[in-house]
Amino acid sequence: MALIDYVTTNIQSVYDKVSRLYQLEIEGNGDPDTTVPTLCVDEFDGTLLNRDARRWLFSQMRKMATVLNELVCLYNDQGLRDLATDDPTDGYVLNLPQSLMFDDQFMAVLQDDFDRAYQLCDRLTEYVSPYIK
């Protein structure tokens, strides 16, 4: 079940970064209406890599994309954007694997999704950093 552990670990890592970004936005803006969401990965209750595992994985990846896009909307609304261009941040686009097999190609697509999620979090951290004491 290494795939399930891999997905769970990476999504939770993204969620931890998102929670920290919400906290930084609150610190920088002093907005009492913004709260840090409680984010956690739903457990997979199966024991096999099958259709249920695929459904769970896709559900959790879509949830992660929604969480990231909600954060991007908040940052854009608060004016936390690229300092040089003031362009709003583009939303996160999820590219789910098309392969029916849990093979190297499947893993490469997942890794790309996680890499882009981490890059987005790093970019948002750059946008909020000048406003933190």
Protein backbone atom coordinates (compact mmCIF):
# COMPACT_ATOMS: atom_id res chain seq x y z
CA MET A 1 0.00 0.00 0.00
CA ALA A 2 2.95 2.27 -0.67
CA LEU A 3 0.85 4.25 -3.17
CA ILE A 4 -1.76 5.09 -0.54
CA ASP A 5 0.95 6.15 1.91
CA TYR A 6 2.64 8.24 -0.80
CA VAL A 7 -0.58 10.05 -1.68
CA THR A 8 -1.62 10.54 1.94
CA THR A 9 1.79 11.91 2.94
CA ASN A 10 1.99 14.33 0.03
CA ILE A 11 -1.56 15.63 0.34
CA GLN A 12 -1.14 16.13 4.10
CA SER A 13 2.11 17.99 3.42
CA VAL A 14 0.27 20.27 0.98
CA TYR A 15 -2.49 20.76 3.58
CA ASP A 16 0.08 21.71 6.22
CA LYS A 17 1.50 24.33 3.86
CA VAL A 18 -2.00 25.62 3.06
CA SER A 19 -2.82 25.92 6.76
CA ARG A 20 0.40 27.86 7.28
CA LEU A 21 -0.48 30.14 4.35
CA TYR A 22 -3.87 30.88 5.88
CA GLN A 23 -2.12 31.72 9.15
CA LEU A 24 0.32 34.03 7.35
CA GLU A 25 -2.55 35.79 5.58
CA ILE A 26 -4.26 36.35 8.92
CA GLU A 27 -1.04 37.69 10.45
CA GLY A 28 -0.39 39.98 7.51
CA ASN A 29 -3.93 41.27 7.17
CA GLY A 30 -5.26 41.08 10.71
CA ASP A 31 -8.57 39.85 9.31
CA PRO A 32 -10.64 38.31 12.13
CA ASP A 33 -13.10 36.81 9.63
CA THR A 34 -10.51 34.51 8.06
CA THR A 35 -9.92 31.25 9.88
CA VAL A 36 -7.40 28.50 9.37
CA PRO A 37 -9.26 25.46 8.07
CA THR A 38 -8.71 22.05 9.58
CA LEU A 39 -7.44 19.95 6.71
CA CYS A 40 -6.81 16.24 6.73
CA VAL A 41 -6.74 13.40 4.25
CA ASP A 42 -9.63 10.95 4.46
CA GLU A 43 -8.45 7.46 5.35
CA PHE A 44 -8.55 4.73 2.77
CA ASP A 45 -10.30 1.77 4.32
CA GLY A 46 -9.37 -0.83 1.72
CA THR A 47 -6.51 -3.27 1.57
CA LEU A 48 -6.07 -3.62 -2.19
CA LEU A 49 -5.03 -1.35 -5.02
CA ASN A 50 -8.21 -1.64 -7.04
CA ARG A 51 -11.08 0.52 -8.30
CA ASP A 52 -11.89 1.62 -4.75
CA ALA A 53 -8.32 2.77 -4.27
CA ARG A 54 -8.46 4.68 -7.54
CA ARG A 55 -11.76 6.36 -6.56
CA TRP A 56 -10.34 7.29 -3.16
CA LEU A 57 -7.16 8.65 -4.70
CA PHE A 58 -9.01 10.76 -7.26
CA SER A 59 -11.41 12.04 -4.61
CA GLN A 60 -8.54 13.11 -2.36
CA MET A 61 -6.67 14.75 -5.23
CA ARG A 62 -9.79 16.69 -6.25
CA LYS A 63 -10.28 17.76 -2.64
CA MET A 64 -6.67 18.99 -2.55
CA ALA A 65 -7.21 20.97 -5.76
CA THR A 66 -10.33 22.59 -4.29
CA VAL A 67 -8.46 23.53 -1.11
CA LEU A 68 -5.62 25.07 -3.14
CA ASN A 69 -7.99 27.02 -5.37
CA GLU A 70 -9.90 28.40 -2.37
CA LEU A 71 -6.59 29.65 -0.97
CA VAL A 72 -5.63 31.19 -4.33
CA CYS A 73 -8.98 33.02 -4.43
CA LEU A 74 -8.41 34.37 -0.92
CA TYR A 75 -4.91 35.55 -1.78
CA ASN A 76 -6.08 37.17 -5.01
CA ASP A 77 -8.97 38.88 -3.21
CA GLN A 78 -6.59 40.21 -0.55
CA GLY A 79 -4.22 41.58 -3.20
CA LEU A 80 -1.49 39.07 -2.34
CA ARG A 81 -0.12 38.75 -5.84
CA ASP A 82 3.09 38.89 -7.79
CA LEU A 83 4.75 42.09 -6.59
CA ALA A 84 6.32 42.85 -9.97
CA THR A 85 3.25 42.44 -12.16
CA ASP A 86 0.29 42.55 -9.71
CA ASP A 87 -1.23 39.77 -11.79
CA PRO A 88 -3.59 37.47 -9.93
CA THR A 89 -2.39 33.96 -9.29
CA ASP A 90 -3.77 31.35 -11.64
CA GLY A 91 -5.76 28.55 -10.08
CA TYR A 92 -4.38 25.10 -9.57
CA VAL A 93 -5.20 22.70 -12.39
CA LEU A 94 -5.23 19.05 -11.46
CA ASN A 95 -4.03 16.53 -14.06
CA LEU A 96 -5.27 13.16 -12.89
CA PRO A 97 -3.59 10.07 -14.32
CA GLN A 98 -5.36 8.54 -17.31
CA SER A 99 -3.74 5.15 -16.99
CA LEU A 100 -5.82 2.37 -15.49
CA MET A 101 -2.67 0.76 -14.15
CA PHE A 102 -0.78 1.97 -11.10
CA ASP A 103 2.42 2.10 -13.11
CA ASP A 104 5.35 4.49 -13.62
CA GLN A 105 3.29 6.76 -15.87
CA PHE A 106 0.55 6.95 -13.22
CA MET A 107 3.15 7.85 -10.60
CA ALA A 108 4.79 10.46 -12.85
CA VAL A 109 1.47 12.29 -13.27
CA LEU A 110 0.86 12.23 -9.51
CA GLN A 111 4.37 13.51 -8.84
CA ASP A 112 3.82 16.36 -11.30
CA ASP A 113 0.54 17.26 -9.56
CA PHE A 114 2.29 17.35 -6.18
CA ASP A 115 5.30 19.29 -7.54
CA ARG A 116 2.98 21.96 -8.94
CA ALA A 117 1.03 22.12 -5.66
CA TYR A 118 4.27 22.68 -3.72
CA GLN A 119 5.41 25.31 -6.23
CA LEU A 120 2.10 27.14 -5.88
CA CYS A 121 2.45 27.16 -2.09
CA ASP A 122 6.01 28.49 -2.39
CA ARG A 123 4.83 31.25 -4.73
CA LEU A 124 2.03 32.26 -2.35
CA THR A 125 4.53 32.32 0.51
CA GLU A 126 6.64 34.78 -1.50
CA TYR A 127 3.58 37.00 -2.02
CA VAL A 128 2.66 37.18 1.66
CA SER A 129 6.18 37.33 3.14
CA PRO A 130 6.67 41.11 2.74
CA TYR A 131 3.59 41.73 4.88
CA ILE A 132 4.66 39.59 7.84
CA LYS A 133 6.44 41.21 10.75
